[in-house]
Amino acid sequence: DVNGDMAYMQAPTTTSWRTIIASKNATDILA
């Protein structure tokens, strides 16, 4: 933000999910 802070938190709370999709087939990423 304008102060250089990344996020203001108040419990109970969650972050967004971090996702890793992987496959030997490129079409699986699209699907």
PDB file of all heavy atoms in Angstrom:
ATOM      1  N   ASP A   1       0.844  -1.188   0.000  1.00  0.00           N
ATOM      2  CA  ASP A   1       0.000   0.000   0.000  1.00  0.00           C
ATOM      3  C   ASP A   1       0.884   1.244   0.000  1.00  0.00           C
ATOM      4  O   ASP A   1       2.109   1.168  -0.197  1.00  0.00           O
ATOM      5  CB  ASP A   1      -0.968  -0.026   1.190  1.00  0.00           C
ATOM      6  CG  ASP A   1      -0.272   0.146   2.533  1.00  0.00           C
ATOM      7  OD1 ASP A   1       0.973   0.288   2.578  1.00  0.00           O
ATOM      8  OD2 ASP A   1      -0.971   0.128   3.566  1.00  0.00           O
ATOM      9  N   VAL A   2       0.280   2.396   0.229  1.00  0.00           N
ATOM     10  CA  VAL A   2       1.010   3.661   0.175  1.00  0.00           C
ATOM     11  C   VAL A   2       2.125   3.723   1.211  1.00  0.00           C
ATOM     12  O   VAL A   2       3.135   4.425   1.024  1.00  0.00           O
ATOM     13  CB  VAL A   2       0.027   4.848   0.346  1.00  0.00           C
ATOM     14  CG1 VAL A   2      -0.615   4.814   1.726  1.00  0.00           C
ATOM     15  CG2 VAL A   2       0.710   6.183   0.093  1.00  0.00           C
ATOM     16  N   ASN A   3       1.995   2.967   2.323  1.00  0.00           N
ATOM     17  CA  ASN A   3       3.018   2.947   3.370  1.00  0.00           C
ATOM     18  C   ASN A   3       4.063   1.864   3.161  1.00  0.00           C
ATOM     19  O   ASN A   3       4.988   1.728   3.964  1.00  0.00           O
ATOM     20  CB  ASN A   3       2.357   2.748   4.737  1.00  0.00           C
ATOM     21  CG  ASN A   3       1.425   3.879   5.110  1.00  0.00           C
ATOM     22  OD1 ASN A   3       1.728   5.045   4.874  1.00  0.00           O
ATOM     23  ND2 ASN A   3       0.281   3.536   5.686  1.00  0.00           N
ATOM     24  N   GLY A   4       3.893   1.067   2.121  1.00  0.00           N
ATOM     25  CA  GLY A   4       4.803  -0.039   1.891  1.00  0.00           C
ATOM     26  C   GLY A   4       4.408  -1.304   2.620  1.00  0.00           C
ATOM     27  O   GLY A   4       5.162  -2.286   2.609  1.00  0.00           O
ATOM     28  N   ASP A   5       3.236  -1.302   3.255  1.00  0.00           N
ATOM     29  CA  ASP A   5       2.753  -2.481   3.966  1.00  0.00           C
ATOM     30  C   ASP A   5       2.002  -3.389   2.993  1.00  0.00           C
ATOM     31  O   ASP A   5       1.303  -2.921   2.090  1.00  0.00           O
ATOM     32  CB  ASP A   5       1.827  -2.083   5.113  1.00  0.00           C
ATOM     33  CG  ASP A   5       2.524  -1.181   6.129  1.00  0.00           C
ATOM     34  OD1 ASP A   5       3.722  -1.408   6.376  1.00  0.00           O
ATOM     35  OD2 ASP A   5       1.876  -0.254   6.655  1.00  0.00           O
ATOM     36  N   MET A   6       2.111  -4.709   3.233  1.00  0.00           N
ATOM     37  CA  MET A   6       1.564  -5.666   2.280  1.00  0.00           C
ATOM     38  C   MET A   6       0.114  -6.047   2.564  1.00  0.00           C
ATOM     39  O   MET A   6      -0.661  -6.265   1.639  1.00  0.00           O
ATOM     40  CB  MET A   6       2.429  -6.927   2.253  1.00  0.00           C
ATOM     41  CG  MET A   6       3.879  -6.647   1.881  1.00  0.00           C
ATOM     42  SD  MET A   6       4.014  -5.839   0.257  1.00  0.00           S
ATOM     43  CE  MET A   6       5.759  -5.429   0.222  1.00  0.00           C
ATOM     44  N   ALA A   7      -0.255  -6.154   3.846  1.00  0.00           N
ATOM     45  CA  ALA A   7      -1.632  -6.508   4.174  1.00  0.00           C
ATOM     46  C   ALA A   7      -1.891  -6.235   5.646  1.00  0.00           C
ATOM     47  O   ALA A   7      -1.013  -6.459   6.496  1.00  0.00           O
ATOM     48  CB  ALA A   7      -1.915  -7.976   3.859  1.00  0.00           C
ATOM     49  N   TYR A   8      -3.087  -5.763   5.938  1.00  0.00           N
ATOM     50  CA  TYR A   8      -3.539  -5.550   7.310  1.00  0.00           C
ATOM     51  C   TYR A   8      -4.482  -6.687   7.662  1.00  0.00           C
ATOM     52  O   TYR A   8      -5.479  -6.911   6.980  1.00  0.00           O
ATOM     53  CB  TYR A   8      -4.245  -4.202   7.443  1.00  0.00           C
ATOM     54  CG  TYR A   8      -3.302  -3.027   7.343  1.00  0.00           C
ATOM     55  CD1 TYR A   8      -2.796  -2.612   6.117  1.00  0.00           C
ATOM     56  CD2 TYR A   8      -2.896  -2.338   8.491  1.00  0.00           C
ATOM     57  CE1 TYR A   8      -1.912  -1.546   6.024  1.00  0.00           C
ATOM     58  CE2 TYR A   8      -2.014  -1.266   8.408  1.00  0.00           C
ATOM     59  CZ  TYR A   8      -1.532  -0.878   7.164  1.00  0.00           C
ATOM     60  OH  TYR A   8      -0.663   0.176   7.081  1.00  0.00           O
ATOM     61  N   MET A   9      -4.181  -7.396   8.733  1.00  0.00           N
ATOM     62  CA  MET A   9      -4.882  -8.626   9.060  1.00  0.00           C
ATOM     63  C   MET A   9      -5.594  -8.516  10.407  1.00  0.00           C
ATOM     64  O   MET A   9      -5.096  -7.870  11.332  1.00  0.00           O
ATOM     65  CB  MET A   9      -3.903  -9.799   9.100  1.00  0.00           C
ATOM     66  CG  MET A   9      -2.985  -9.909   7.877  1.00  0.00           C
ATOM     67  SD  MET A   9      -3.858 -10.313   6.360  1.00  0.00           S
ATOM     68  CE  MET A   9      -4.085 -12.089   6.601  1.00  0.00           C
ATOM     69  N   GLN A  10      -6.743  -9.153  10.478  1.00  0.00           N
ATOM     70  CA  GLN A  10      -7.486  -9.267  11.731  1.00  0.00           C
ATOM     71  C   GLN A  10      -8.008 -10.687  11.846  1.00  0.00           C
ATOM     72  O   GLN A  10      -8.851 -11.125  11.063  1.00  0.00           O
ATOM     73  CB  GLN A  10      -8.661  -8.280  11.781  1.00  0.00           C
ATOM     74  CG  GLN A  10      -9.486  -8.401  13.058  1.00  0.00           C
ATOM     75  CD  GLN A  10     -10.725  -7.519  13.048  1.00  0.00           C
ATOM     76  OE1 GLN A  10     -10.843  -6.611  12.229  1.00  0.00           O
ATOM     77  NE2 GLN A  10     -11.650  -7.783  13.957  1.00  0.00           N
ATOM     78  N   ALA A  11      -7.505 -11.422  12.816  1.00  0.00           N
ATOM     79  CA  ALA A  11      -7.942 -12.799  13.023  1.00  0.00           C
ATOM     80  C   ALA A  11      -9.353 -12.822  13.625  1.00  0.00           C
ATOM     81  O   ALA A  11      -9.698 -11.934  14.409  1.00  0.00           O
ATOM     82  CB  ALA A  11      -6.965 -13.528  13.941  1.00  0.00           C
ATOM     83  N   PRO A  12     -10.178 -13.835  13.249  1.00  0.00           N
ATOM     84  CA  PRO A  12      -9.841 -14.953  12.358  1.00  0.00           C
ATOM     85  C   PRO A  12      -9.866 -14.514  10.894  1.00  0.00           C
ATOM     86  O   PRO A  12     -10.758 -13.777  10.475  1.00  0.00           O
ATOM     87  CB  PRO A  12     -10.952 -15.962  12.648  1.00  0.00           C
ATOM     88  CG  PRO A  12     -12.115 -15.113  13.078  1.00  0.00           C
ATOM     89  CD  PRO A  12     -11.526 -13.962  13.828  1.00  0.00           C
ATOM     90  N   THR A  13      -8.889 -14.996  10.142  1.00  0.00           N
ATOM     91  CA  THR A  13      -8.805 -14.624   8.741  1.00  0.00           C
ATOM     92  C   THR A  13      -7.937 -15.636   8.003  1.00  0.00           C
ATOM     93  O   THR A  13      -7.289 -16.496   8.617  1.00  0.00           O
ATOM     94  CB  THR A  13      -8.216 -13.202   8.587  1.00  0.00           C
ATOM     95  OG1 THR A  13      -8.334 -12.782   7.228  1.00  0.00           O
ATOM     96  CG2 THR A  13      -6.752 -13.158   9.002  1.00  0.00           C
ATOM     97  N   THR A  14      -7.933 -15.525   6.687  1.00  0.00           N
ATOM     98  CA  THR A  14      -7.108 -16.394   5.846  1.00  0.00           C
ATOM     99  C   THR A  14      -6.453 -15.557   4.754  1.00  0.00           C
ATOM    100  O   THR A  14      -6.894 -14.450   4.446  1.00  0.00           O
ATOM    101  CB  THR A  14      -7.937 -17.498   5.166  1.00  0.00           C
ATOM    102  OG1 THR A  14      -8.809 -16.902   4.196  1.00  0.00           O
ATOM    103  CG2 THR A  14      -8.771 -18.268   6.181  1.00  0.00           C
ATOM    104  N   THR A  15      -5.406 -16.100   4.173  1.00  0.00           N
ATOM    105  CA  THR A  15      -4.844 -15.522   2.957  1.00  0.00           C
ATOM    106  C   THR A  15      -5.543 -16.145   1.753  1.00  0.00           C
ATOM    107  O   THR A  15      -6.372 -17.047   1.900  1.00  0.00           O
ATOM    108  CB  THR A  15      -3.338 -15.804   2.846  1.00  0.00           C
ATOM    109  OG1 THR A  15      -3.144 -17.221   2.632  1.00  0.00           O
ATOM    110  CG2 THR A  15      -2.600 -15.375   4.095  1.00  0.00           C
ATOM    111  N   SER A  16      -5.213 -15.666   0.575  1.00  0.00           N
ATOM    112  CA  SER A  16      -5.638 -16.374  -0.635  1.00  0.00           C
ATOM    113  C   SER A  16      -4.834 -17.672  -0.755  1.00  0.00           C
ATOM    114  O   SER A  16      -3.815 -17.861  -0.084  1.00  0.00           O
ATOM    115  CB  SER A  16      -5.436 -15.491  -1.864  1.00  0.00           C
ATOM    116  OG  SER A  16      -4.153 -14.903  -1.867  1.00  0.00           O
ATOM    117  N   TRP A  17      -5.306 -18.569  -1.599  1.00  0.00           N
ATOM    118  CA  TRP A  17      -4.616 -19.837  -1.824  1.00  0.00           C
ATOM    119  C   TRP A  17      -3.452 -19.643  -2.782  1.00  0.00           C
ATOM    120  O   TRP A  17      -3.548 -18.872  -3.746  1.00  0.00           O
ATOM    121  CB  TRP A  17      -5.567 -20.859  -2.436  1.00  0.00           C
ATOM    122  CG  TRP A  17      -6.712 -21.283  -1.557  1.00  0.00           C
ATOM    123  CD1 TRP A  17      -7.935 -20.675  -1.454  1.00  0.00           C
ATOM    124  CD2 TRP A  17      -6.736 -22.405  -0.675  1.00  0.00           C
ATOM    125  NE1 TRP A  17      -8.722 -21.351  -0.565  1.00  0.00           N
ATOM    126  CE2 TRP A  17      -8.021 -22.431  -0.063  1.00  0.00           C
ATOM    127  CE3 TRP A  17      -5.820 -23.399  -0.348  1.00  0.00           C
ATOM    128  CZ2 TRP A  17      -8.398 -23.400   0.849  1.00  0.00           C
ATOM    129  CZ3 TRP A  17      -6.201 -24.373   0.565  1.00  0.00           C
ATOM    130  CH2 TRP A  17      -7.471 -24.375   1.158  1.00  0.00           C
ATOM    131  N   ARG A  18      -2.350 -20.348  -2.555  1.00  0.00           N
ATOM    132  CA  ARG A  18      -1.253 -20.438  -3.521  1.00  0.00           C
ATOM    133  C   ARG A  18      -1.459 -21.740  -4.284  1.00  0.00           C
ATOM    134  O   ARG A  18      -1.711 -22.791  -3.669  1.00  0.00           O
ATOM    135  CB  ARG A  18       0.096 -20.429  -2.807  1.00  0.00           C
ATOM    136  CG  ARG A  18       0.550 -19.019  -2.407  1.00  0.00           C
ATOM    137  CD  ARG A  18      -0.309 -18.397  -1.306  1.00  0.00           C
ATOM    138  NE  ARG A  18       0.012 -16.990  -1.124  1.00  0.00           N
ATOM    139  CZ  ARG A  18      -0.638 -15.989  -1.724  1.00  0.00           C
ATOM    140  NH1 ARG A  18      -1.636 -16.229  -2.550  1.00  0.00           N
ATOM    141  NH2 ARG A  18      -0.292 -14.737  -1.507  1.00  0.00           N
ATOM    142  N   THR A  19      -1.375 -21.690  -5.597  1.00  0.00           N
ATOM    143  CA  THR A  19      -1.711 -22.858  -6.417  1.00  0.00           C
ATOM    144  C   THR A  19      -0.542 -23.291  -7.287  1.00  0.00           C
ATOM    145  O   THR A  19       0.190 -22.454  -7.823  1.00  0.00           O
ATOM    146  CB  THR A  19      -2.924 -22.578  -7.312  1.00  0.00           C
ATOM    147  OG1 THR A  19      -2.613 -21.531  -8.247  1.00  0.00           O
ATOM    148  CG2 THR A  19      -4.128 -22.163  -6.483  1.00  0.00           C
ATOM    149  N   ILE A  20      -0.392 -24.601  -7.407  1.00  0.00           N
ATOM    150  CA  ILE A  20       0.616 -25.204  -8.287  1.00  0.00           C
ATOM    151  C   ILE A  20      -0.081 -26.294  -9.086  1.00  0.00           C
ATOM    152  O   ILE A  20      -0.527 -27.297  -8.525  1.00  0.00           O
ATOM    153  CB  ILE A  20       1.784 -25.806  -7.488  1.00  0.00           C
ATOM    154  CG1 ILE A  20       2.423 -24.759  -6.579  1.00  0.00           C
ATOM    155  CG2 ILE A  20       2.826 -26.397  -8.441  1.00  0.00           C
ATOM    156  CD1 ILE A  20       3.256 -25.360  -5.458  1.00  0.00           C
ATOM    157  N   ILE A  21      -0.228 -26.077 -10.377  1.00  0.00           N
ATOM    158  CA  ILE A  21      -0.814 -27.067 -11.278  1.00  0.00           C
ATOM    159  C   ILE A  21       0.326 -27.648 -12.099  1.00  0.00           C
ATOM    160  O   ILE A  21       1.193 -26.907 -12.579  1.00  0.00           O
ATOM    161  CB  ILE A  21      -1.870 -26.428 -12.205  1.00  0.00           C
ATOM    162  CG1 ILE A  21      -2.949 -25.720 -11.371  1.00  0.00           C
ATOM    163  CG2 ILE A  21      -2.505 -27.473 -13.113  1.00  0.00           C
ATOM    164  CD1 ILE A  21      -3.882 -24.858 -12.205  1.00  0.00           C
ATOM    165  N   ALA A  22       0.350 -28.964 -12.277  1.00  0.00           N
ATOM    166  CA  ALA A  22       1.453 -29.582 -13.016  1.00  0.00           C
ATOM    167  C   ALA A  22       0.964 -30.815 -13.760  1.00  0.00           C
ATOM    168  O   ALA A  22       0.078 -31.535 -13.292  1.00  0.00           O
ATOM    169  CB  ALA A  22       2.593 -29.952 -12.066  1.00  0.00           C
ATOM    170  N   SER A  23       1.568 -31.054 -14.923  1.00  0.00           N
ATOM    171  CA  SER A  23       1.242 -32.239 -15.715  1.00  0.00           C
ATOM    172  C   SER A  23       2.279 -32.400 -16.820  1.00  0.00           C
ATOM    173  O   SER A  23       2.932 -31.438 -17.229  1.00  0.00           O
ATOM    174  CB  SER A  23      -0.151 -32.108 -16.347  1.00  0.00           C
ATOM    175  OG  SER A  23      -0.437 -33.222 -17.171  1.00  0.00           O
ATOM    176  N   LYS A  24       2.389 -33.607 -17.308  1.00  0.00           N
ATOM    177  CA  LYS A  24       3.216 -33.879 -18.487  1.00  0.00           C
ATOM    178  C   LYS A  24       2.486 -33.485 -19.775  1.00  0.00           C
ATOM    179  O   LYS A  24       3.101 -33.466 -20.852  1.00  0.00           O
ATOM    180  CB  LYS A  24       3.588 -35.363 -18.544  1.00  0.00           C
ATOM    181  CG  LYS A  24       4.707 -35.761 -17.593  1.00  0.00           C
ATOM    182  CD  LYS A  24       6.072 -35.320 -18.110  1.00  0.00           C
ATOM    183  CE  LYS A  24       7.210 -35.898 -17.292  1.00  0.00           C
ATOM    184  NZ  LYS A  24       8.541 -35.550 -17.845  1.00  0.00           N
ATOM    185  N   ASN A  25       1.209 -33.178 -19.667  1.00  0.00           N
ATOM    186  CA  ASN A  25       0.418 -32.783 -20.831  1.00  0.00           C
ATOM    187  C   ASN A  25      -0.019 -31.333 -20.686  1.00  0.00           C
ATOM    188  O   ASN A  25      -0.680 -30.973 -19.703  1.00  0.00           O
ATOM    189  CB  ASN A  25      -0.817 -33.680 -20.972  1.00  0.00           C
ATOM    190  CG  ASN A  25      -0.450 -35.128 -21.191  1.00  0.00           C
ATOM    191  OD1 ASN A  25       0.351 -35.444 -22.058  1.00  0.00           O
ATOM    192  ND2 ASN A  25      -1.031 -36.023 -20.404  1.00  0.00           N
ATOM    193  N   ALA A  26       0.325 -30.526 -21.673  1.00  0.00           N
ATOM    194  CA  ALA A  26      -0.040 -29.107 -21.609  1.00  0.00           C
ATOM    195  C   ALA A  26      -1.549 -28.922 -21.568  1.00  0.00           C
ATOM    196  O   ALA A  26      -2.056 -27.988 -20.936  1.00  0.00           O
ATOM    197  CB  ALA A  26       0.552 -28.368 -22.805  1.00  0.00           C
ATOM    198  N   THR A  27      -2.294 -29.811 -22.228  1.00  0.00           N
ATOM    199  CA  THR A  27      -3.746 -29.674 -22.251  1.00  0.00           C
ATOM    200  C   THR A  27      -4.352 -29.817 -20.860  1.00  0.00           C
ATOM    201  O   THR A  27      -5.413 -29.260 -20.577  1.00  0.00           O
ATOM    202  CB  THR A  27      -4.365 -30.707 -23.207  1.00  0.00           C
ATOM    203  OG1 THR A  27      -3.881 -32.015 -22.871  1.00  0.00           O
ATOM    204  CG2 THR A  27      -4.008 -30.407 -24.645  1.00  0.00           C
ATOM    205  N   ASP A  28      -3.682 -30.558 -19.968  1.00  0.00           N
ATOM    206  CA  ASP A  28      -4.197 -30.710 -18.609  1.00  0.00           C
ATOM    207  C   ASP A  28      -4.170 -29.392 -17.841  1.00  0.00           C
ATOM    208  O   ASP A  28      -4.995 -29.167 -16.946  1.00  0.00           O
ATOM    209  CB  ASP A  28      -3.384 -31.762 -17.840  1.00  0.00           C
ATOM    210  CG  ASP A  28      -3.614 -33.176 -18.355  1.00  0.00           C
ATOM    211  OD1 ASP A  28      -4.610 -33.395 -19.072  1.00  0.00           O
ATOM    212  OD2 ASP A  28      -2.779 -34.053 -18.062  1.00  0.00           O
ATOM    213  N   ILE A  29      -3.219 -28.537 -18.144  1.00  0.00           N
ATOM    214  CA  ILE A  29      -3.172 -27.226 -17.496  1.00  0.00           C
ATOM    215  C   ILE A  29      -4.414 -26.426 -17.889  1.00  0.00           C
ATOM    216  O   ILE A  29      -5.058 -25.798 -17.046  1.00  0.00           O
ATOM    217  CB  ILE A  29      -1.895 -26.457 -17.882  1.00  0.00           C
ATOM    218  CG1 ILE A  29      -0.637 -27.304 -17.623  1.00  0.00           C
ATOM    219  CG2 ILE A  29      -1.834 -25.122 -17.146  1.00  0.00           C
ATOM    220  CD1 ILE A  29      -0.400 -27.661 -16.178  1.00  0.00           C
ATOM    221  N   LEU A  30      -4.757 -26.472 -19.170  1.00  0.00           N
ATOM    222  CA  LEU A  30      -5.930 -25.748 -19.654  1.00  0.00           C
ATOM    223  C   LEU A  30      -7.217 -26.319 -19.069  1.00  0.00           C
ATOM    224  O   LEU A  30      -8.188 -25.585 -18.855  1.00  0.00           O
ATOM    225  CB  LEU A  30      -5.995 -25.803 -21.182  1.00  0.00           C
ATOM    226  CG  LEU A  30      -4.795 -25.229 -21.947  1.00  0.00           C
ATOM    227  CD1 LEU A  30      -4.985 -25.424 -23.442  1.00  0.00           C
ATOM    228  CD2 LEU A  30      -4.609 -23.750 -21.621  1.00  0.00           C
ATOM    229  N   ALA A  31      -7.245 -27.613 -18.831  1.00  0.00           N
ATOM    230  CA  ALA A  31      -8.459 -28.278 -18.354  1.00  0.00           C
ATOM    231  C   ALA A  31      -8.634 -28.181 -16.842  1.00  0.00           C
ATOM    232  O   ALA A  31      -9.711 -28.510 -16.329  1.00  0.00           O
ATOM    233  CB  ALA A  31      -8.440 -29.749 -18.776  1.00  0.00           C
TER     234      ALA A  31
END
